[in-house]
Protein backbone atom coordinates (compact mmCIF):
# COMPACT_ATOMS: atom_id res chain seq x y z
CA MET A 1 215.41 79.68 -124.99
CA ILE A 2 211.68 79.13 -125.44
CA GLU A 3 210.88 82.39 -123.62
CA LYS A 4 213.17 84.29 -126.02
CA PHE A 5 210.78 83.26 -128.82
CA ASN A 6 207.44 83.91 -127.10
CA GLY A 7 206.81 80.20 -126.73
CA ILE A 8 207.46 76.87 -128.39
CA ILE A 9 205.34 77.58 -131.49
CA TYR A 10 207.44 80.54 -132.63
CA LEU A 11 210.64 78.72 -131.78
CA ILE A 12 209.56 75.79 -133.96
CA ILE A 13 208.59 78.13 -136.81
CA PHE A 14 211.98 79.86 -136.49
CA ILE A 15 213.80 76.51 -136.60
CA VAL A 16 211.77 75.18 -139.55
CA HIS A 17 212.25 78.42 -141.49
CA PHE A 18 216.02 78.47 -141.08
CA LEU A 19 216.37 74.72 -141.62
CA ALA A 20 214.83 75.36 -145.04
CA TYR A 21 217.40 78.09 -145.60
CA ALA A 22 220.19 75.71 -144.52
CA PHE A 23 218.81 73.06 -146.89
CA TYR A 24 218.96 75.40 -149.89
CA ALA A 25 222.37 76.72 -148.82
CA TYR A 26 223.73 73.19 -148.72
CA ARG A 27 222.16 72.19 -152.04
CA THR A 28 223.35 75.27 -153.91
CA ILE A 29 226.86 75.40 -152.46
CA PHE A 30 227.93 71.81 -151.79
CA THR A 31 225.77 69.79 -154.22
CA THR A 32 225.73 72.40 -156.94
CA LYS A 33 225.93 69.95 -159.86
CA ALA A 34 222.94 67.93 -158.64
CA PHE A 35 221.01 71.17 -158.03
CA LEU A 36 221.76 72.38 -161.55
CA ASP A 37 220.88 69.01 -163.08
CA GLN A 38 217.57 68.88 -161.23
CA TYR A 39 216.47 72.13 -162.85
CA GLY A 40 218.05 71.55 -166.25
CA MET A 41 220.66 74.28 -165.86
CA ASP A 42 224.11 74.29 -167.41
CA VAL A 43 227.20 74.04 -165.20
CA THR A 44 228.17 77.54 -166.29
CA GLY A 45 225.51 78.70 -163.82
CA SER A 46 227.50 77.28 -160.89
CA ILE A 47 229.04 80.55 -159.76
CA MET A 48 225.72 82.40 -159.59
CA THR A 49 224.03 79.39 -157.99
CA ARG A 50 226.65 79.36 -155.26
CA PHE A 51 226.33 83.14 -154.91
CA PHE A 52 222.59 82.61 -154.36
CA GLY A 53 223.38 79.97 -151.73
CA SER A 54 225.81 82.25 -149.93
CA LEU A 55 222.94 84.60 -149.09
CA PHE A 56 221.25 81.74 -147.27
CA VAL A 57 224.46 81.01 -145.35
CA GLY A 58 224.58 84.55 -144.00
CA ALA A 59 220.99 84.36 -142.81
CA VAL A 60 221.51 80.95 -141.20
CA VAL A 61 224.63 82.16 -139.36
CA MET A 62 222.71 85.18 -138.08
CA ALA A 63 219.80 82.96 -137.01
CA LEU A 64 222.20 80.70 -135.10
CA TYR A 65 223.75 83.75 -133.46
CA ILE A 66 220.32 85.04 -132.40
CA MET A 67 219.29 81.60 -131.16
CA PHE A 68 222.38 80.50 -129.25
CA VAL A 69 224.77 83.40 -128.66
CA ARG A 70 222.93 86.71 -128.44
CA PRO A 71 222.07 87.38 -124.79
CA ASN A 72 218.82 89.20 -125.63
CA GLY A 73 217.71 86.64 -128.20
CA VAL A 74 215.36 88.20 -130.74
CA GLU A 75 215.02 91.54 -128.93
CA GLU A 76 215.62 94.52 -131.23
CA THR A 77 216.30 92.34 -134.30
CA TRP A 78 213.54 93.89 -136.40
CA GLY A 79 215.98 94.70 -139.22
CA PHE A 80 216.96 91.05 -139.63
CA PHE A 81 213.40 89.71 -139.52
CA ASN A 82 212.06 92.38 -141.87
CA LEU A 83 214.87 91.78 -144.35
CA ILE A 84 214.19 88.03 -144.29
CA PHE A 85 210.47 88.66 -144.86
CA LEU A 86 211.14 91.05 -147.76
CA GLN A 87 213.62 88.63 -149.37
CA ASN A 88 211.09 85.80 -149.12
CA LEU A 89 208.29 87.98 -150.48
CA SER A 90 210.49 89.18 -153.35
CA ALA A 91 211.48 85.58 -154.19
CA PHE A 92 207.81 84.58 -154.17
CA ILE A 93 206.71 87.45 -156.45
CA ILE A 94 209.63 86.91 -158.82
CA GLY A 95 208.96 83.16 -158.81
CA VAL A 96 205.35 83.75 -159.83
CA TYR A 97 206.47 86.16 -162.55
CA SER A 98 209.22 83.85 -163.80
CA ILE A 99 207.12 80.69 -163.95
CA LYS A 100 203.61 81.95 -164.70
CA ILE A 101 204.15 85.13 -166.72
CA SER A 102 207.58 85.10 -168.36
CA ASP A 103 208.64 82.13 -170.43
CA LEU A 104 212.36 82.85 -170.19
CA GLY A 105 214.09 79.70 -169.01
CA VAL A 106 210.89 77.70 -168.55
CA THR A 107 211.41 74.11 -169.72
CA GLU A 108 209.85 70.71 -169.16
CA LYS A 109 212.00 70.45 -166.02
CA THR A 110 210.55 73.66 -164.56
CA SER A 111 208.61 72.97 -161.38
CA ILE A 112 206.52 75.25 -159.22
CA GLU A 113 209.02 74.84 -156.38
CA GLY A 114 210.16 78.38 -157.23
CA ILE A 115 206.71 79.56 -156.13
CA ILE A 116 205.87 77.10 -153.36
CA ALA A 117 209.13 77.29 -151.34
CA PRO A 118 209.31 81.11 -151.22
CA GLY A 119 205.56 81.24 -150.57
CA ILE A 120 205.88 79.01 -147.53
CA LEU A 121 208.96 80.90 -146.34
CA THR A 122 207.09 84.21 -146.75
CA VAL A 123 204.22 82.97 -144.59
CA LEU A 124 206.59 81.60 -141.95
CA SER A 125 208.61 84.83 -141.80
CA ALA A 126 205.42 86.92 -141.65
CA ILE A 127 204.22 84.79 -138.71
CA LEU A 128 207.56 85.35 -137.00
CA CYS A 129 207.41 89.13 -137.55
CA TYR A 130 203.88 89.23 -136.16
CA GLY A 131 204.35 86.79 -133.29
CA LEU A 132 207.66 88.25 -132.13
CA ALA A 133 206.68 91.91 -132.70
CA ASP A 134 206.73 92.76 -129.00
CA LYS A 135 210.37 91.65 -128.82
CA ILE A 136 211.88 92.44 -132.22
CA TYR A 137 210.51 96.00 -132.29
CA SER A 138 211.35 96.81 -128.66
């Protein structure tokens, strides 16, 4: 499995990245009320919060497929990795806009997690795209 990921470093980055996705999927889908309370959101936002979480589920399932089932591992999976990178980058940019520029929805409970988490995920996914380029673009 390590050779599928160009070494242990990229495998660890892959695992950490998608564990973060699984964490947010779990929080938004299965502990929705606690997630909403943490950010001062009303329960009427539950459906859209779970919708948001479902996008993480799809990515995690695909990551598990690539990791454990797909015979070629990450080979020729550029579409998946690029989509993940662009989603993370978009979340980061929109997080910066939402928290630092727009005041819509910003309260005393607003944290910079909406910038930090997507920022870290963007860096991790960029490292994966770069480090696995010889395989994902083959």
